[in-house]
Amino acid sequence: MADVKLDLIGGVTNGQYKKTAESQEATKSNTATSTSKTKDAKSTEYNQDMFLQLLVAEMQYQDPLQPTDNSQYVAQLASFTQIEAIQSVQSGMENIEGNSLVGNYVTLNVNGKEITGIVDFVQKDDEKGLMVSVDGQMYEKSKITSVVDGDYYMSKYVVSLFADEVKKLPNVEEVTVKDGEKIAGATAYYNALSQYPRSYDFLEEDVEKKYLEVLAQFEKLMKAVEEADKNSEVTSDTTEKVSDASSENTAEAEKNADMNISTDNTPEVNTEDEEVLVEGATEI
């Protein structure tokens, strides 16, 4: 009876367990009912429960004439525990790595096409492993080819936008007041550089120099235009005052002329006629 049991399980020799064909079939059956949900290598992994089951089986059905040293069991258990701990640490590191991707810019290679975007969140998939969400789509973490810090990416991005705007600006000697809109666009990106201090590390000296020279020339032109407008306003005010004074003088002259005409048209009283009238009145 004992021989049959030994044939089914196997034995331990010098700390090494040798399984029979029946034992291998039993191991496959245990593997199929393991807690792992993956369809690949994870479905055939040993866990601590399986190891203890095999260990108990070995101790239960060992040859009583050649019992296995307990220290060998302890050594095997320690080795298995160490491997399991390493796997646990590796899984924890993978989680930390996945969490560190959140908020960063990544580049993925999906079917030969590069996709760039911000990682919104990460999650685990039983079949595909760690997944990352980029622009609303889920991708395998293994598809990531590069990871860029958010500040680094934005710094380079703003610098590239500023450089594109500067290319649209005319040369210094060709600047006119009509270039105000283009200069305003470049100024907006230039001011945005201060929000990302690292952007100045990527800013080319020639690009910044051209912008500052064009801006200075434009400000000179605008100042000259403002002064010309002020002078024009002063001249206009003076002209209006002179015109108003002239109008007042003209009105006064016309008024005086009307008064003179009115005086000239008043009828003269004949003195002799007045005396005749007086005498006639006396006789009556």
C-alpha atoms as a PDB file:
ATOM      1  CA  MET A   1       0.000   0.000   0.000  1.00  0.00           C
ATOM      2  CA  ALA A   2       2.844   2.302   0.868  1.00  0.00           C
ATOM      3  CA  ASP A   3       4.505   1.629  -2.490  1.00  0.00           C
ATOM      4  CA  VAL A   4       1.402   2.786  -4.325  1.00  0.00           C
ATOM      5  CA  LYS A   5       1.336   6.070  -2.462  1.00  0.00           C
ATOM      6  CA  LEU A   6       4.993   6.693  -3.141  1.00  0.00           C
ATOM      7  CA  ASP A   7       4.457   6.070  -6.845  1.00  0.00           C
ATOM      8  CA  LEU A   8       1.633   8.611  -6.908  1.00  0.00           C
ATOM      9  CA  ILE A   9       3.495  11.378  -5.084  1.00  0.00           C
ATOM     10  CA  GLY A  10       7.206  10.841  -5.460  1.00  0.00           C
ATOM     11  CA  GLY A  11      10.017  11.481  -3.037  1.00  0.00           C
ATOM     12  CA  VAL A  12      12.549  14.011  -1.831  1.00  0.00           C
ATOM     13  CA  THR A  13      16.195  13.236  -2.326  1.00  0.00           C
ATOM     14  CA  ASN A  14      18.884  15.600  -1.021  1.00  0.00           C
ATOM     15  CA  GLY A  15      16.350  18.400  -0.765  1.00  0.00           C
ATOM     16  CA  GLN A  16      15.117  17.949  -4.330  1.00  0.00           C
ATOM     17  CA  TYR A  17      11.604  16.765  -4.948  1.00  0.00           C
ATOM     18  CA  LYS A  18      11.096  14.448  -7.897  1.00  0.00           C
ATOM     19  CA  LYS A  19       7.527  14.141  -9.077  1.00  0.00           C
ATOM     20  CA  THR A  20       5.993  11.188 -10.815  1.00  0.00           C
ATOM     21  CA  ALA A  21       3.674  11.527 -13.789  1.00  0.00           C
ATOM     22  CA  GLU A  22       0.669  11.267 -11.488  1.00  0.00           C
ATOM     23  CA  SER A  23       2.058  14.027  -9.299  1.00  0.00           C
ATOM     24  CA  GLN A  24       2.566  16.249 -12.301  1.00  0.00           C
ATOM     25  CA  GLU A  25      -1.072  15.751 -13.286  1.00  0.00           C
ATOM     26  CA  ALA A  26      -2.145  16.677  -9.765  1.00  0.00           C
ATOM     27  CA  THR A  27      -0.025  19.819  -9.951  1.00  0.00           C
ATOM     28  CA  LYS A  28      -1.670  20.826 -13.215  1.00  0.00           C
ATOM     29  CA  SER A  29      -5.069  20.359 -11.614  1.00  0.00           C
ATOM     30  CA  ASN A  30      -4.094  22.599  -8.700  1.00  0.00           C
ATOM     31  CA  THR A  31      -2.704  25.147 -11.095  1.00  0.00           C
ATOM     32  CA  ALA A  32      -5.995  25.311 -12.992  1.00  0.00           C
ATOM     33  CA  THR A  33      -7.819  26.232  -9.769  1.00  0.00           C
ATOM     34  CA  SER A  34      -5.322  28.853  -8.600  1.00  0.00           C
ATOM     35  CA  THR A  35      -6.350  32.402  -7.817  1.00  0.00           C
ATOM     36  CA  SER A  36      -4.483  33.825 -10.787  1.00  0.00           C
ATOM     37  CA  LYS A  37      -6.804  35.158 -13.507  1.00  0.00           C
ATOM     38  CA  THR A  38      -4.329  35.622 -16.323  1.00  0.00           C
ATOM     39  CA  LYS A  39      -4.277  33.420 -19.400  1.00  0.00           C
ATOM     40  CA  ASP A  40      -0.523  33.361 -19.944  1.00  0.00           C
ATOM     41  CA  ALA A  41       2.369  32.550 -17.624  1.00  0.00           C
ATOM     42  CA  LYS A  42       0.523  33.738 -14.547  1.00  0.00           C
ATOM     43  CA  SER A  43      -1.898  30.813 -14.825  1.00  0.00           C
ATOM     44  CA  THR A  44       0.934  28.315 -14.147  1.00  0.00           C
ATOM     45  CA  GLU A  45       2.672  30.151 -11.312  1.00  0.00           C
ATOM     46  CA  TYR A  46       3.117  28.486  -7.957  1.00  0.00           C
ATOM     47  CA  ASN A  47       1.811  30.226  -4.893  1.00  0.00           C
ATOM     48  CA  GLN A  48       2.467  29.682  -1.222  1.00  0.00           C
ATOM     49  CA  ASP A  49      -0.670  27.592  -0.673  1.00  0.00           C
ATOM     50  CA  MET A  50       0.291  25.201  -3.450  1.00  0.00           C
ATOM     51  CA  PHE A  51       3.774  24.861  -2.033  1.00  0.00           C
ATOM     52  CA  LEU A  52       2.444  24.044   1.437  1.00  0.00           C
ATOM     53  CA  GLN A  53       0.022  21.489  -0.005  1.00  0.00           C
ATOM     54  CA  LEU A  54       2.850  19.719  -1.790  1.00  0.00           C
ATOM     55  CA  LEU A  55       5.007  19.933   1.309  1.00  0.00           C
ATOM     56  CA  VAL A  56       2.297  18.337   3.445  1.00  0.00           C
ATOM     57  CA  ALA A  57       1.800  15.637   0.828  1.00  0.00           C
ATOM     58  CA  GLU A  58       5.518  14.877   0.786  1.00  0.00           C
ATOM     59  CA  MET A  59       5.660  14.642   4.570  1.00  0.00           C
ATOM     60  CA  GLN A  60       2.515  12.506   4.673  1.00  0.00           C
ATOM     61  CA  TYR A  61       3.633  10.021   2.070  1.00  0.00           C
ATOM     62  CA  GLN A  62       7.381   9.981   2.651  1.00  0.00           C
ATOM     63  CA  ASP A  63       9.184   6.676   2.989  1.00  0.00           C
ATOM     64  CA  PRO A  64       9.251   5.875   6.699  1.00  0.00           C
ATOM     65  CA  LEU A  65      12.484   3.989   6.177  1.00  0.00           C
ATOM     66  CA  GLN A  66      14.144   7.051   4.624  1.00  0.00           C
ATOM     67  CA  PRO A  67      12.463  10.084   6.203  1.00  0.00           C
ATOM     68  CA  THR A  68      13.347  13.496   4.835  1.00  0.00           C
ATOM     69  CA  ASP A  69      15.261  15.883   7.048  1.00  0.00           C
ATOM     70  CA  ASN A  70      13.015  18.669   8.356  1.00  0.00           C
ATOM     71  CA  SER A  71      15.721  21.237   7.684  1.00  0.00           C
ATOM     72  CA  GLN A  72      15.338  20.579   3.967  1.00  0.00           C
ATOM     73  CA  TYR A  73      11.649  21.477   4.155  1.00  0.00           C
ATOM     74  CA  VAL A  74      12.443  24.648   6.044  1.00  0.00           C
ATOM     75  CA  ALA A  75      15.100  25.595   3.490  1.00  0.00           C
ATOM     76  CA  GLN A  76      12.673  25.054   0.615  1.00  0.00           C
ATOM     77  CA  LEU A  77       9.994  27.088   2.363  1.00  0.00           C
ATOM     78  CA  ALA A  78      12.448  29.914   3.034  1.00  0.00           C
ATOM     79  CA  SER A  79      13.543  29.948  -0.606  1.00  0.00           C
ATOM     80  CA  PHE A  80       9.973  30.040  -1.804  1.00  0.00           C
ATOM     81  CA  THR A  81       9.083  32.804   0.643  1.00  0.00           C
ATOM     82  CA  GLN A  82      12.049  34.840  -0.546  1.00  0.00           C
ATOM     83  CA  ILE A  83      11.032  34.480  -4.177  1.00  0.00           C
ATOM     84  CA  GLU A  84       7.465  35.429  -3.333  1.00  0.00           C
ATOM     85  CA  ALA A  85       8.687  38.521  -1.463  1.00  0.00           C
ATOM     86  CA  ILE A  86      10.776  39.564  -4.458  1.00  0.00           C
ATOM     87  CA  GLN A  87       7.756  39.198  -6.713  1.00  0.00           C
ATOM     88  CA  SER A  88       5.687  41.280  -4.300  1.00  0.00           C
ATOM     89  CA  VAL A  89       8.323  44.023  -4.289  1.00  0.00           C
ATOM     90  CA  GLN A  90       8.446  43.919  -8.076  1.00  0.00           C
ATOM     91  CA  SER A  91       4.671  44.299  -8.253  1.00  0.00           C
ATOM     92  CA  GLY A  92       4.814  47.208  -5.814  1.00  0.00           C
ATOM     93  CA  MET A  93       7.506  48.916  -7.863  1.00  0.00           C
ATOM     94  CA  GLU A  94       5.382  48.483 -10.969  1.00  0.00           C
ATOM     95  CA  ASN A  95       2.490  50.208  -9.203  1.00  0.00           C
ATOM     96  CA  ILE A  96       4.736  53.063  -8.109  1.00  0.00           C
ATOM     97  CA  GLU A  97       6.056  53.423 -11.649  1.00  0.00           C
ATOM     98  CA  GLY A  98       2.527  53.473 -13.019  1.00  0.00           C
ATOM     99  CA  ASN A  99       1.398  56.130 -10.549  1.00  0.00           C
ATOM    100  CA  SER A 100       4.423  58.261 -11.380  1.00  0.00           C
ATOM    101  CA  LEU A 101       3.255  58.420 -15.002  1.00  0.00           C
ATOM    102  CA  VAL A 102       0.072  60.284 -14.076  1.00  0.00           C
ATOM    103  CA  GLY A 103       0.268  63.927 -15.154  1.00  0.00           C
ATOM    104  CA  ASN A 104       3.325  63.411 -17.360  1.00  0.00           C
ATOM    105  CA  TYR A 105       3.588  63.572 -21.136  1.00  0.00           C
ATOM    106  CA  VAL A 106       4.268  60.230 -22.778  1.00  0.00           C
ATOM    107  CA  THR A 107       4.898  59.024 -26.290  1.00  0.00           C
ATOM    108  CA  LEU A 108       3.455  55.670 -27.306  1.00  0.00           C
ATOM    109  CA  ASN A 109       4.132  53.530 -30.334  1.00  0.00           C
ATOM    110  CA  VAL A 110       0.807  52.002 -31.355  1.00  0.00           C
ATOM    111  CA  ASN A 111       0.866  49.976 -34.569  1.00  0.00           C
ATOM    112  CA  GLY A 112       3.790  52.024 -35.861  1.00  0.00           C
ATOM    113  CA  LYS A 113       2.079  55.343 -35.106  1.00  0.00           C
ATOM    114  CA  GLU A 114       3.363  57.747 -32.457  1.00  0.00           C
ATOM    115  CA  ILE A 115       0.811  59.108 -29.990  1.00  0.00           C
ATOM    116  CA  THR A 116       1.690  61.880 -27.534  1.00  0.00           C
ATOM    117  CA  GLY A 117      -0.393  63.081 -24.626  1.00  0.00           C
ATOM    118  CA  ILE A 118      -0.844  63.382 -20.871  1.00  0.00           C
ATOM    119  CA  VAL A 119      -1.452  60.282 -18.762  1.00  0.00           C
ATOM    120  CA  ASP A 120      -4.768  60.855 -16.992  1.00  0.00           C
ATOM    121  CA  PHE A 121      -4.766  57.708 -14.865  1.00  0.00           C
ATOM    122  CA  VAL A 122      -3.488  54.111 -14.749  1.00  0.00           C
ATOM    123  CA  GLN A 123      -5.266  50.861 -13.977  1.00  0.00           C
ATOM    124  CA  LYS A 124      -4.512  47.161 -13.906  1.00  0.00           C
ATOM    125  CA  ASP A 125      -5.884  44.672 -16.369  1.00  0.00           C
ATOM    126  CA  ASP A 126      -5.848  40.957 -15.538  1.00  0.00           C
ATOM    127  CA  GLU A 127      -4.817  40.035 -19.061  1.00  0.00           C
ATOM    128  CA  LYS A 128      -2.803  43.006 -20.371  1.00  0.00           C
ATOM    129  CA  GLY A 129      -1.216  44.185 -17.145  1.00  0.00           C
ATOM    130  CA  LEU A 130      -0.840  47.881 -16.373  1.00  0.00           C
ATOM    131  CA  MET A 131      -2.852  50.183 -18.646  1.00  0.00           C
ATOM    132  CA  VAL A 132      -2.542  53.959 -19.082  1.00  0.00           C
ATOM    133  CA  SER A 133      -5.217  56.416 -20.178  1.00  0.00           C
ATOM    134  CA  VAL A 134      -4.087  59.012 -22.736  1.00  0.00           C
ATOM    135  CA  ASP A 135      -6.623  61.384 -24.308  1.00  0.00           C
ATOM    136  CA  GLY A 136      -9.491  59.142 -23.280  1.00  0.00           C
ATOM    137  CA  GLN A 137      -7.985  55.961 -24.774  1.00  0.00           C
ATOM    138  CA  MET A 138      -6.474  53.015 -22.884  1.00  0.00           C
ATOM    139  CA  TYR A 139      -3.049  51.713 -23.926  1.00  0.00           C
ATOM    140  CA  GLU A 140      -0.704  49.078 -22.587  1.00  0.00           C
ATOM    141  CA  LYS A 141       2.130  50.492 -20.532  1.00  0.00           C
ATOM    142  CA  SER A 142       4.561  48.496 -22.649  1.00  0.00           C
ATOM    143  CA  LYS A 143       3.638  50.729 -25.621  1.00  0.00           C
ATOM    144  CA  ILE A 144       5.253  53.762 -23.957  1.00  0.00           C
ATOM    145  CA  THR A 145       8.518  54.740 -25.639  1.00  0.00           C
ATOM    146  CA  SER A 146       9.331  57.922 -23.700  1.00  0.00           C
ATOM    147  CA  VAL A 147       8.167  59.860 -20.651  1.00  0.00           C
ATOM    148  CA  VAL A 148       8.611  63.630 -20.346  1.00  0.00           C
ATOM    149  CA  ASP A 149       8.126  65.781 -17.262  1.00  0.00           C
ATOM    150  CA  GLY A 150       5.153  68.158 -17.557  1.00  0.00           C
ATOM    151  CA  ASP A 151       7.149  71.345 -16.909  1.00  0.00           C
ATOM    152  CA  TYR A 152       9.877  70.244 -19.313  1.00  0.00           C
ATOM    153  CA  TYR A 153       7.364  69.532 -22.069  1.00  0.00           C
ATOM    154  CA  MET A 154       5.452  72.791 -21.597  1.00  0.00           C
ATOM    155  CA  SER A 155       8.699  74.784 -21.488  1.00  0.00           C
ATOM    156  CA  LYS A 156       9.803  73.457 -24.852  1.00  0.00           C
ATOM    157  CA  TYR A 157       6.299  73.769 -26.272  1.00  0.00           C
ATOM    158  CA  VAL A 158       5.914  77.454 -25.341  1.00  0.00           C
ATOM    159  CA  VAL A 159       9.392  78.217 -26.703  1.00  0.00           C
ATOM    160  CA  SER A 160       8.481  76.576 -30.014  1.00  0.00           C
ATOM    161  CA  LEU A 161       5.265  78.634 -30.234  1.00  0.00           C
ATOM    162  CA  PHE A 162       7.191  81.822 -29.486  1.00  0.00           C
ATOM    163  CA  ALA A 163       9.777  80.999 -32.158  1.00  0.00           C
ATOM    164  CA  ASP A 164       7.000  80.443 -34.715  1.00  0.00           C
ATOM    165  CA  GLU A 165       5.499  83.873 -33.919  1.00  0.00           C
ATOM    166  CA  VAL A 166       8.880  85.576 -34.193  1.00  0.00           C
ATOM    167  CA  LYS A 167       9.319  84.101 -37.671  1.00  0.00           C
ATOM    168  CA  LYS A 168       6.215  86.027 -38.747  1.00  0.00           C
ATOM    169  CA  LEU A 169       7.709  89.375 -37.684  1.00  0.00           C
ATOM    170  CA  PRO A 170       9.323  91.658 -40.283  1.00  0.00           C
ATOM    171  CA  ASN A 171      12.912  92.838 -40.131  1.00  0.00           C
ATOM    172  CA  VAL A 172      13.664  95.793 -37.864  1.00  0.00           C
ATOM    173  CA  GLU A 173      13.975  98.270 -40.726  1.00  0.00           C
ATOM    174  CA  GLU A 174      10.654  97.129 -42.196  1.00  0.00           C
ATOM    175  CA  VAL A 175       8.513  97.515 -39.055  1.00  0.00           C
ATOM    176  CA  THR A 176       5.352  99.630 -39.428  1.00  0.00           C
ATOM    177  CA  VAL A 177       2.422 100.457 -37.188  1.00  0.00           C
ATOM    178  CA  LYS A 178       0.419  97.825 -39.070  1.00  0.00           C
ATOM    179  CA  ASP A 179       2.558  95.076 -37.484  1.00  0.00           C
ATOM    180  CA  GLY A 180       0.975  95.614 -34.076  1.00  0.00           C
ATOM    181  CA  GLU A 181      -1.128  92.443 -34.185  1.00  0.00           C
ATOM    182  CA  LYS A 182       1.840  90.205 -35.029  1.00  0.00           C
ATOM    183  CA  ILE A 183       3.966  91.776 -32.314  1.00  0.00           C
ATOM    184  CA  ALA A 184       1.135  91.353 -29.803  1.00  0.00           C
ATOM    185  CA  GLY A 185       0.982  87.623 -30.589  1.00  0.00           C
ATOM    186  CA  ALA A 186       4.708  87.184 -30.045  1.00  0.00           C
ATOM    187  CA  THR A 187       4.547  89.247 -26.850  1.00  0.00           C
ATOM    188  CA  ALA A 188       1.859  86.970 -25.391  1.00  0.00           C
ATOM    189  CA  TYR A 189       4.078  83.901 -25.777  1.00  0.00           C
ATOM    190  CA  TYR A 190       7.158  85.787 -24.586  1.00  0.00           C
ATOM    191  CA  ASN A 191       5.368  86.739 -21.374  1.00  0.00           C
ATOM    192  CA  ALA A 192       4.231  83.122 -20.950  1.00  0.00           C
ATOM    193  CA  LEU A 193       7.862  82.011 -20.747  1.00  0.00           C
ATOM    194  CA  SER A 194       8.047  83.394 -17.204  1.00  0.00           C
ATOM    195  CA  GLN A 195       5.545  80.743 -16.076  1.00  0.00           C
ATOM    196  CA  TYR A 196       8.018  78.017 -17.047  1.00  0.00           C
ATOM    197  CA  PRO A 197      11.510  79.015 -15.831  1.00  0.00           C
ATOM    198  CA  ARG A 198      13.139  76.130 -17.692  1.00  0.00           C
ATOM    199  CA  SER A 199      11.933  77.542 -21.001  1.00  0.00           C
ATOM    200  CA  TYR A 200      14.757  80.092 -20.985  1.00  0.00           C
ATOM    201  CA  ASP A 201      17.183  77.176 -21.255  1.00  0.00           C
ATOM    202  CA  PHE A 202      15.694  76.302 -24.641  1.00  0.00           C
ATOM    203  CA  LEU A 203      15.224  79.850 -25.942  1.00  0.00           C
ATOM    204  CA  GLU A 204      17.629  80.668 -28.775  1.00  0.00           C
ATOM    205  CA  GLU A 205      19.483  83.956 -28.403  1.00  0.00           C
ATOM    206  CA  ASP A 206      18.892  85.066 -32.009  1.00  0.00           C
ATOM    207  CA  VAL A 207      15.135  84.553 -31.692  1.00  0.00           C
ATOM    208  CA  GLU A 208      14.893  86.630 -28.530  1.00  0.00           C
ATOM    209  CA  LYS A 209      17.171  89.330 -29.965  1.00  0.00           C
ATOM    210  CA  LYS A 210      15.035  89.781 -33.075  1.00  0.00           C
ATOM    211  CA  TYR A 211      11.864  90.031 -31.020  1.00  0.00           C
ATOM    212  CA  LEU A 212      13.282  92.663 -28.660  1.00  0.00           C
ATOM    213  CA  GLU A 213      14.647  94.761 -31.547  1.00  0.00           C
ATOM    214  CA  VAL A 214      11.359  94.643 -33.452  1.00  0.00           C
ATOM    215  CA  LEU A 215       9.443  95.486 -30.283  1.00  0.00           C
ATOM    216  CA  ALA A 216      11.704  98.473 -29.541  1.00  0.00           C
ATOM    217  CA  GLN A 217      11.315  99.802 -33.089  1.00  0.00           C
ATOM    218  CA  PHE A 218       7.547  99.387 -32.939  1.00  0.00           C
ATOM    219  CA  GLU A 219       7.361 101.254 -29.624  1.00  0.00           C
ATOM    220  CA  LYS A 220       9.351 104.133 -31.151  1.00  0.00           C
ATOM    221  CA  LEU A 221       6.934 104.327 -34.050  1.00  0.00           C
ATOM    222  CA  MET A 222       3.928 104.282 -31.740  1.00  0.00           C
ATOM    223  CA  LYS A 223       5.462 107.023 -29.596  1.00  0.00           C
ATOM    224  CA  ALA A 224       6.043 109.167 -32.685  1.00  0.00           C
ATOM    225  CA  VAL A 225       2.452 108.582 -33.761  1.00  0.00           C
ATOM    226  CA  GLU A 226       1.168 109.613 -30.324  1.00  0.00           C
ATOM    227  CA  GLU A 227       3.242 112.806 -30.378  1.00  0.00           C
ATOM    228  CA  ALA A 228       1.996 113.605 -33.868  1.00  0.00           C
ATOM    229  CA  ASP A 229      -1.574 113.081 -32.685  1.00  0.00           C
ATOM    230  CA  LYS A 230      -0.989 115.396 -29.722  1.00  0.00           C
ATOM    231  CA  ASN A 231       0.464 118.102 -31.975  1.00  0.00           C
ATOM    232  CA  SER A 232      -2.456 117.676 -34.317  1.00  0.00           C
ATOM    233  CA  GLU A 233      -4.873 118.108 -31.413  1.00  0.00           C
ATOM    234  CA  VAL A 234      -3.092 121.284 -30.238  1.00  0.00           C
ATOM    235  CA  THR A 235      -3.146 122.730 -33.755  1.00  0.00           C
ATOM    236  CA  SER A 236      -6.789 121.814 -34.104  1.00  0.00           C
ATOM    237  CA  ASP A 237      -7.639 123.469 -30.768  1.00  0.00           C
ATOM    238  CA  THR A 238      -5.767 126.638 -31.752  1.00  0.00           C
ATOM    239  CA  THR A 239      -7.517 126.755 -35.098  1.00  0.00           C
ATOM    240  CA  GLU A 240     -10.886 126.347 -33.416  1.00  0.00           C
ATOM    241  CA  LYS A 241     -10.126 129.129 -30.944  1.00  0.00           C
ATOM    242  CA  VAL A 242      -9.030 131.503 -33.743  1.00  0.00           C
ATOM    243  CA  SER A 243     -12.097 130.540 -35.731  1.00  0.00           C
ATOM    244  CA  ASP A 244     -14.347 131.161 -32.721  1.00  0.00           C
ATOM    245  CA  ALA A 245     -12.726 134.554 -32.070  1.00  0.00           C
ATOM    246  CA  SER A 246     -13.085 135.506 -35.713  1.00  0.00           C
ATOM    247  CA  SER A 247     -16.715 134.466 -35.645  1.00  0.00           C
ATOM    248  CA  GLU A 248     -17.318 136.562 -32.525  1.00  0.00           C
ATOM    249  CA  ASN A 249     -15.633 139.586 -34.110  1.00  0.00           C
ATOM    250  CA  THR A 250     -17.678 139.165 -37.260  1.00  0.00           C
ATOM    251  CA  ALA A 251     -20.882 138.922 -35.268  1.00  0.00           C
ATOM    252  CA  GLU A 252     -19.987 142.046 -33.267  1.00  0.00           C
ATOM    253  CA  ALA A 253     -19.192 143.974 -36.442  1.00  0.00           C
ATOM    254  CA  GLU A 254     -22.462 142.919 -38.008  1.00  0.00           C
ATOM    255  CA  LYS A 255     -24.321 143.987 -34.880  1.00  0.00           C
ATOM    256  CA  ASN A 256     -22.689 147.431 -34.897  1.00  0.00           C
ATOM    257  CA  ALA A 257     -23.436 147.835 -38.573  1.00  0.00           C
ATOM    258  CA  ASP A 258     -27.109 147.065 -37.970  1.00  0.00           C
ATOM    259  CA  MET A 259     -27.262 149.666 -35.231  1.00  0.00           C
ATOM    260  CA  ASN A 260     -25.736 152.326 -37.494  1.00  0.00           C
ATOM    261  CA  ILE A 261     -28.201 151.542 -40.237  1.00  0.00           C
ATOM    262  CA  SER A 262     -31.104 151.828 -37.797  1.00  0.00           C
ATOM    263  CA  THR A 263     -29.909 155.266 -36.656  1.00  0.00           C
ATOM    264  CA  ASP A 264     -29.583 156.575 -40.214  1.00  0.00           C
ATOM    265  CA  ASN A 265     -33.161 155.587 -41.072  1.00  0.00           C
ATOM    266  CA  THR A 266     -34.782 157.580 -38.196  1.00  0.00           C
ATOM    267  CA  PRO A 267     -36.952 160.570 -39.756  1.00  0.00           C
ATOM    268  CA  GLU A 268     -35.759 164.132 -39.019  1.00  0.00           C
ATOM    269  CA  VAL A 269     -38.238 166.631 -37.397  1.00  0.00           C
ATOM    270  CA  ASN A 270     -38.432 170.055 -39.197  1.00  0.00           C
ATOM    271  CA  THR A 271     -38.002 172.912 -36.711  1.00  0.00           C
ATOM    272  CA  GLU A 272     -40.028 175.366 -38.785  1.00  0.00           C
ATOM    273  CA  ASP A 273     -42.981 172.961 -38.910  1.00  0.00           C
ATOM    274  CA  GLU A 274     -42.819 172.612 -35.137  1.00  0.00           C
ATOM    275  CA  GLU A 275     -43.000 176.426 -34.716  1.00  0.00           C
ATOM    276  CA  VAL A 276     -46.054 176.665 -37.035  1.00  0.00           C
ATOM    277  CA  LEU A 277     -47.795 173.956 -35.083  1.00  0.00           C
ATOM    278  CA  VAL A 278     -47.066 175.705 -31.802  1.00  0.00           C
ATOM    279  CA  GLU A 279     -48.357 179.054 -33.104  1.00  0.00           C
ATOM    280  CA  GLY A 280     -51.499 177.440 -34.467  1.00  0.00           C
ATOM    281  CA  ALA A 281     -52.154 175.838 -31.143  1.00  0.00           C
ATOM    282  CA  THR A 282     -51.760 179.214 -29.386  1.00  0.00           C
ATOM    283  CA  GLU A 283     -54.266 180.971 -31.627  1.00  0.00           C
ATOM    284  CA  ILE A 284     -56.834 178.384 -30.945  1.00  0.00           C
END
